[in-house]
N, C-alpha and C. Protein backbone atom coordinates (compact mmCIF):
# COMPACT_ATOMS: atom_id res chain seq x y z
N UNK A 1 8.99 -19.55 -33.92
CA UNK A 1 10.36 -19.98 -33.72
C UNK A 1 11.15 -19.67 -34.99
N UNK A 2 12.32 -19.14 -34.80
CA UNK A 2 13.16 -18.86 -35.97
C UNK A 2 14.09 -20.03 -36.21
N UNK A 3 14.58 -20.09 -37.41
CA UNK A 3 15.46 -21.21 -37.77
C UNK A 3 16.85 -21.01 -37.18
N UNK A 4 17.66 -22.03 -37.30
CA UNK A 4 19.04 -21.95 -36.81
C UNK A 4 19.93 -21.10 -37.71
N UNK A 5 19.41 -20.69 -38.84
CA UNK A 5 20.20 -19.94 -39.80
C UNK A 5 20.08 -18.43 -39.59
N UNK A 6 20.26 -17.98 -38.35
CA UNK A 6 20.13 -16.54 -38.08
C UNK A 6 21.23 -15.74 -38.75
N UNK A 7 22.34 -16.40 -39.08
CA UNK A 7 23.43 -15.68 -39.75
C UNK A 7 23.04 -15.24 -41.15
N UNK A 8 21.99 -15.85 -41.70
CA UNK A 8 21.54 -15.49 -43.04
C UNK A 8 20.57 -14.31 -43.04
N UNK A 9 20.14 -13.87 -41.85
CA UNK A 9 19.15 -12.79 -41.78
C UNK A 9 19.82 -11.43 -41.96
N UNK A 10 19.13 -10.55 -42.70
CA UNK A 10 19.62 -9.17 -42.81
C UNK A 10 19.06 -8.37 -41.64
N UNK A 11 19.40 -7.09 -41.56
CA UNK A 11 19.02 -6.26 -40.43
C UNK A 11 17.50 -6.18 -40.25
N UNK A 12 16.79 -6.00 -41.36
CA UNK A 12 15.33 -5.90 -41.27
C UNK A 12 14.71 -7.20 -40.77
N UNK A 13 15.23 -8.32 -41.20
CA UNK A 13 14.71 -9.62 -40.77
C UNK A 13 15.02 -9.88 -39.30
N UNK A 14 16.20 -9.45 -38.83
CA UNK A 14 16.54 -9.60 -37.42
C UNK A 14 15.59 -8.79 -36.56
N UNK A 15 15.32 -7.55 -36.97
CA UNK A 15 14.40 -6.71 -36.22
C UNK A 15 12.99 -7.29 -36.22
N UNK A 16 12.54 -7.76 -37.36
CA UNK A 16 11.19 -8.34 -37.46
C UNK A 16 11.07 -9.59 -36.59
N UNK A 17 12.08 -10.45 -36.64
CA UNK A 17 12.05 -11.67 -35.83
C UNK A 17 12.09 -11.33 -34.34
N UNK A 18 12.88 -10.33 -33.98
CA UNK A 18 12.96 -9.90 -32.58
C UNK A 18 11.62 -9.38 -32.10
N UNK A 19 10.97 -8.57 -32.92
CA UNK A 19 9.65 -8.05 -32.55
C UNK A 19 8.63 -9.19 -32.40
N UNK A 20 8.65 -10.13 -33.32
CA UNK A 20 7.71 -11.26 -33.26
C UNK A 20 7.93 -12.10 -32.01
N UNK A 21 9.19 -12.42 -31.72
CA UNK A 21 9.48 -13.23 -30.54
C UNK A 21 9.14 -12.49 -29.25
N UNK A 22 9.38 -11.19 -29.22
CA UNK A 22 9.05 -10.40 -28.03
C UNK A 22 7.54 -10.40 -27.80
N UNK A 23 6.78 -10.20 -28.87
CA UNK A 23 5.32 -10.22 -28.77
C UNK A 23 4.81 -11.58 -28.28
N UNK A 24 5.38 -12.66 -28.84
CA UNK A 24 4.99 -14.02 -28.43
C UNK A 24 5.36 -14.28 -26.97
N UNK A 25 6.55 -13.84 -26.56
CA UNK A 25 6.99 -14.04 -25.18
C UNK A 25 6.09 -13.30 -24.20
N UNK A 26 5.72 -12.08 -24.54
CA UNK A 26 4.82 -11.31 -23.66
C UNK A 26 3.46 -11.99 -23.53
N UNK A 27 2.96 -12.54 -24.62
CA UNK A 27 1.69 -13.26 -24.57
C UNK A 27 1.81 -14.50 -23.68
N UNK A 28 2.93 -15.22 -23.78
CA UNK A 28 3.15 -16.38 -22.91
C UNK A 28 3.28 -15.96 -21.45
N UNK A 29 3.94 -14.82 -21.21
CA UNK A 29 4.07 -14.33 -19.84
C UNK A 29 2.71 -14.01 -19.23
N UNK A 30 1.81 -13.41 -20.02
CA UNK A 30 0.46 -13.12 -19.55
C UNK A 30 -0.28 -14.42 -19.25
N UNK A 31 -0.14 -15.40 -20.13
CA UNK A 31 -0.77 -16.71 -19.89
C UNK A 31 -0.25 -17.34 -18.60
N UNK A 32 1.06 -17.25 -18.37
CA UNK A 32 1.64 -17.80 -17.15
C UNK A 32 1.12 -17.09 -15.91
N UNK A 33 1.01 -15.77 -15.97
CA UNK A 33 0.46 -15.03 -14.83
C UNK A 33 -0.99 -15.43 -14.55
N UNK A 34 -1.75 -15.65 -15.60
CA UNK A 34 -3.13 -16.10 -15.40
C UNK A 34 -3.17 -17.47 -14.72
N UNK A 35 -2.26 -18.35 -15.10
CA UNK A 35 -2.20 -19.67 -14.48
C UNK A 35 -1.78 -19.56 -13.01
N UNK A 36 -0.84 -18.69 -12.70
CA UNK A 36 -0.41 -18.49 -11.31
C UNK A 36 -1.56 -17.93 -10.48
N UNK A 37 -2.32 -17.00 -11.05
CA UNK A 37 -3.48 -16.46 -10.33
C UNK A 37 -4.51 -17.55 -10.06
N UNK A 38 -4.76 -18.40 -11.04
CA UNK A 38 -5.69 -19.51 -10.85
C UNK A 38 -5.18 -20.46 -9.77
N UNK A 39 -3.87 -20.74 -9.78
CA UNK A 39 -3.27 -21.60 -8.77
C UNK A 39 -3.49 -21.01 -7.37
N UNK A 40 -3.27 -19.72 -7.25
CA UNK A 40 -3.49 -19.06 -5.95
C UNK A 40 -4.95 -19.14 -5.55
N UNK A 41 -5.86 -18.94 -6.49
CA UNK A 41 -7.29 -19.04 -6.18
C UNK A 41 -7.66 -20.45 -5.71
N UNK A 42 -7.06 -21.45 -6.32
CA UNK A 42 -7.35 -22.83 -5.95
C UNK A 42 -6.80 -23.20 -4.57
N UNK A 43 -5.85 -22.40 -4.07
CA UNK A 43 -5.20 -22.70 -2.79
C UNK A 43 -5.45 -21.59 -1.76
N UNK A 44 -6.64 -21.01 -1.81
CA UNK A 44 -6.98 -19.94 -0.88
C UNK A 44 -7.84 -20.39 0.28
N UNK A 45 -8.13 -21.68 0.34
CA UNK A 45 -8.97 -22.17 1.44
C UNK A 45 -8.10 -22.50 2.65
N UNK A 46 -8.67 -22.35 3.83
CA UNK A 46 -7.95 -22.60 5.07
C UNK A 46 -7.66 -24.09 5.20
N UNK A 47 -6.40 -24.46 5.46
CA UNK A 47 -6.07 -25.88 5.58
C UNK A 47 -6.66 -26.56 6.81
N UNK A 48 -7.29 -25.81 7.68
CA UNK A 48 -7.97 -26.42 8.82
C UNK A 48 -7.32 -26.12 10.15
N UNK A 49 -8.04 -26.43 11.18
CA UNK A 49 -7.54 -26.21 12.54
C UNK A 49 -6.76 -27.42 13.00
N UNK A 50 -6.07 -27.26 14.12
CA UNK A 50 -5.31 -28.37 14.68
C UNK A 50 -4.03 -28.68 13.93
N UNK A 51 -3.50 -27.69 13.22
CA UNK A 51 -2.27 -27.90 12.48
C UNK A 51 -1.08 -28.02 13.43
N UNK A 52 -0.08 -28.75 13.01
CA UNK A 52 1.15 -28.87 13.78
C UNK A 52 2.16 -27.89 13.21
N UNK A 53 3.18 -27.61 13.99
CA UNK A 53 4.23 -26.69 13.57
C UNK A 53 4.84 -27.16 12.25
N UNK A 54 4.94 -26.28 11.29
CA UNK A 54 5.51 -26.60 9.99
C UNK A 54 4.51 -27.05 8.96
N UNK A 55 3.25 -27.19 9.36
CA UNK A 55 2.24 -27.61 8.40
C UNK A 55 1.76 -26.40 7.60
N UNK A 56 0.96 -26.67 6.60
CA UNK A 56 0.47 -25.62 5.71
C UNK A 56 -0.39 -24.62 6.46
N UNK A 57 -0.29 -23.37 6.04
CA UNK A 57 -1.08 -22.29 6.65
C UNK A 57 -1.34 -21.22 5.60
N UNK A 58 -2.33 -20.39 5.87
CA UNK A 58 -2.62 -19.27 4.97
C UNK A 58 -1.64 -18.14 5.26
N UNK A 59 -1.11 -17.56 4.19
CA UNK A 59 -0.13 -16.48 4.28
C UNK A 59 -0.62 -15.31 3.42
N UNK A 60 -0.43 -14.10 3.89
CA UNK A 60 -0.73 -12.90 3.10
C UNK A 60 0.54 -12.51 2.34
N UNK A 61 0.59 -12.87 1.06
CA UNK A 61 1.76 -12.53 0.25
C UNK A 61 1.66 -11.14 -0.35
N UNK A 62 0.46 -10.67 -0.55
CA UNK A 62 0.27 -9.37 -1.19
C UNK A 62 -0.04 -8.28 -0.19
N UNK A 63 -0.42 -7.14 -0.71
CA UNK A 63 -0.76 -6.01 0.12
C UNK A 63 -2.19 -6.07 0.61
N UNK A 64 -2.64 -4.96 1.13
CA UNK A 64 -3.99 -4.88 1.69
C UNK A 64 -5.01 -5.24 0.62
N UNK A 65 -5.96 -6.09 0.99
CA UNK A 65 -7.00 -6.52 0.08
C UNK A 65 -6.67 -7.77 -0.71
N UNK A 66 -5.42 -8.22 -0.64
CA UNK A 66 -5.03 -9.44 -1.34
C UNK A 66 -5.43 -10.64 -0.49
N UNK A 67 -6.14 -11.60 -1.07
CA UNK A 67 -6.55 -12.75 -0.27
C UNK A 67 -5.35 -13.62 0.12
N UNK A 68 -5.43 -14.27 1.27
CA UNK A 68 -4.33 -15.15 1.68
C UNK A 68 -4.31 -16.42 0.83
N UNK A 69 -3.13 -17.03 0.77
CA UNK A 69 -2.90 -18.24 -0.02
C UNK A 69 -2.11 -19.22 0.85
N UNK A 70 -2.34 -20.51 0.61
CA UNK A 70 -1.59 -21.52 1.35
C UNK A 70 -0.09 -21.39 1.07
N UNK A 71 0.66 -21.43 2.11
CA UNK A 71 2.10 -21.22 2.01
C UNK A 71 2.81 -22.32 1.21
N UNK A 72 2.42 -23.56 1.41
CA UNK A 72 3.16 -24.68 0.84
C UNK A 72 2.76 -25.04 -0.59
N UNK A 73 1.79 -24.34 -1.16
CA UNK A 73 1.35 -24.69 -2.52
C UNK A 73 2.36 -24.26 -3.58
N UNK A 74 3.24 -23.33 -3.25
CA UNK A 74 4.14 -22.77 -4.25
C UNK A 74 5.24 -23.73 -4.67
N UNK A 75 5.60 -24.67 -3.81
CA UNK A 75 6.64 -25.63 -4.19
C UNK A 75 6.20 -26.48 -5.37
N UNK A 76 4.96 -26.94 -5.35
CA UNK A 76 4.46 -27.78 -6.44
C UNK A 76 4.42 -27.01 -7.76
N UNK A 77 4.03 -25.74 -7.68
CA UNK A 77 4.01 -24.91 -8.89
C UNK A 77 5.43 -24.66 -9.40
N UNK A 78 6.38 -24.46 -8.49
CA UNK A 78 7.77 -24.25 -8.90
C UNK A 78 8.32 -25.49 -9.59
N UNK A 79 7.95 -26.66 -9.11
CA UNK A 79 8.40 -27.89 -9.74
C UNK A 79 7.81 -27.99 -11.14
N UNK A 80 6.54 -27.67 -11.29
CA UNK A 80 5.91 -27.72 -12.61
C UNK A 80 6.57 -26.74 -13.58
N UNK A 81 7.01 -25.61 -13.06
CA UNK A 81 7.68 -24.61 -13.89
C UNK A 81 9.16 -24.90 -14.07
N UNK A 82 9.66 -25.92 -13.38
CA UNK A 82 11.07 -26.29 -13.42
C UNK A 82 11.97 -25.12 -13.03
N UNK A 83 11.61 -24.51 -11.92
CA UNK A 83 12.40 -23.39 -11.42
C UNK A 83 12.56 -23.52 -9.92
N UNK A 84 13.43 -22.73 -9.35
CA UNK A 84 13.63 -22.74 -7.92
C UNK A 84 12.47 -22.11 -7.20
N UNK A 85 12.41 -22.38 -5.92
CA UNK A 85 11.34 -21.83 -5.09
C UNK A 85 11.92 -20.70 -4.26
N UNK A 86 11.28 -19.55 -4.31
CA UNK A 86 11.69 -18.41 -3.51
C UNK A 86 10.97 -18.49 -2.18
N UNK A 87 11.73 -18.48 -1.10
CA UNK A 87 11.12 -18.56 0.22
C UNK A 87 10.32 -17.30 0.49
N UNK A 88 9.25 -17.41 1.26
CA UNK A 88 8.49 -16.21 1.62
C UNK A 88 9.39 -15.16 2.25
N UNK A 89 9.21 -13.94 1.84
CA UNK A 89 10.10 -12.86 2.27
C UNK A 89 10.17 -12.73 3.78
N UNK A 90 9.08 -12.95 4.48
CA UNK A 90 9.09 -12.73 5.92
C UNK A 90 9.93 -13.77 6.67
N UNK A 91 10.18 -14.92 6.06
CA UNK A 91 10.96 -15.93 6.75
C UNK A 91 12.44 -15.88 6.37
N UNK A 92 12.78 -15.12 5.35
CA UNK A 92 14.16 -15.09 4.87
C UNK A 92 14.74 -13.68 4.84
N UNK A 93 14.24 -12.81 5.66
CA UNK A 93 14.74 -11.44 5.65
C UNK A 93 16.19 -11.40 6.14
N UNK A 94 16.98 -10.55 5.49
CA UNK A 94 18.34 -10.35 5.94
C UNK A 94 18.32 -9.48 7.20
N UNK A 95 19.26 -9.70 8.09
CA UNK A 95 19.30 -8.85 9.28
C UNK A 95 19.62 -7.41 8.87
N UNK A 96 19.15 -6.47 9.68
CA UNK A 96 19.45 -5.07 9.42
C UNK A 96 20.93 -4.83 9.65
N UNK A 97 21.46 -3.85 8.98
CA UNK A 97 22.88 -3.54 9.12
C UNK A 97 23.52 -3.44 7.76
N UNK A 98 24.83 -3.51 7.76
CA UNK A 98 25.58 -3.41 6.52
C UNK A 98 25.36 -4.64 5.66
N UNK A 99 25.23 -4.46 4.35
CA UNK A 99 25.08 -5.62 3.47
C UNK A 99 26.38 -6.42 3.46
N UNK A 100 26.29 -7.71 3.16
CA UNK A 100 27.51 -8.52 3.11
C UNK A 100 28.44 -8.03 2.02
N UNK A 101 29.74 -8.11 2.29
CA UNK A 101 30.73 -7.68 1.29
C UNK A 101 30.89 -8.76 0.24
N UNK A 102 31.07 -8.33 -0.97
CA UNK A 102 31.30 -9.29 -2.05
C UNK A 102 32.76 -9.73 -2.03
N UNK A 103 33.02 -10.87 -2.64
CA UNK A 103 34.40 -11.35 -2.72
C UNK A 103 35.27 -10.40 -3.53
N UNK A 104 34.68 -9.82 -4.57
CA UNK A 104 35.48 -8.94 -5.42
C UNK A 104 35.90 -7.68 -4.67
N UNK A 105 35.07 -7.21 -3.74
CA UNK A 105 35.45 -6.03 -2.96
C UNK A 105 36.65 -6.35 -2.08
N UNK A 106 36.64 -7.52 -1.47
CA UNK A 106 37.78 -7.92 -0.64
C UNK A 106 39.04 -8.09 -1.46
N UNK A 107 38.91 -8.64 -2.65
CA UNK A 107 40.07 -8.81 -3.53
C UNK A 107 40.66 -7.47 -3.91
N UNK A 108 39.82 -6.52 -4.23
CA UNK A 108 40.31 -5.19 -4.64
C UNK A 108 41.07 -4.52 -3.50
N UNK A 109 40.64 -4.73 -2.26
CA UNK A 109 41.33 -4.14 -1.12
C UNK A 109 42.69 -4.82 -0.89
N UNK A 110 42.78 -6.10 -1.14
CA UNK A 110 44.02 -6.83 -0.92
C UNK A 110 45.03 -6.65 -2.05
N UNK A 111 44.55 -6.32 -3.24
CA UNK A 111 45.42 -6.19 -4.41
C UNK A 111 45.22 -4.83 -5.08
N UNK A 112 45.76 -3.78 -4.46
CA UNK A 112 45.55 -2.42 -5.02
C UNK A 112 46.25 -2.19 -6.35
């Protein structure tokens, strides 16, 4: 961690601190990916038969050869990471066709 006095750093010190922080961040990212993989491994067992609609189920999130993972386990991990939960792609696909127009595009058309 660098101090709050970044204004006192010269160019070489800024570059060195940037390199150090980038290296540390990449190491943390690798650690996080390892934890996510372990979480997926821990939630790869079938939740059982006789499930009701909306209950947990195994989902194939990856490509061919990727083991299935329980669908509902990701919410708990997202809470631990203090981040939002991304819905499974297959349940939130946008309809085919033209993409939605942005507000700025409409503004530009109305105010030439």
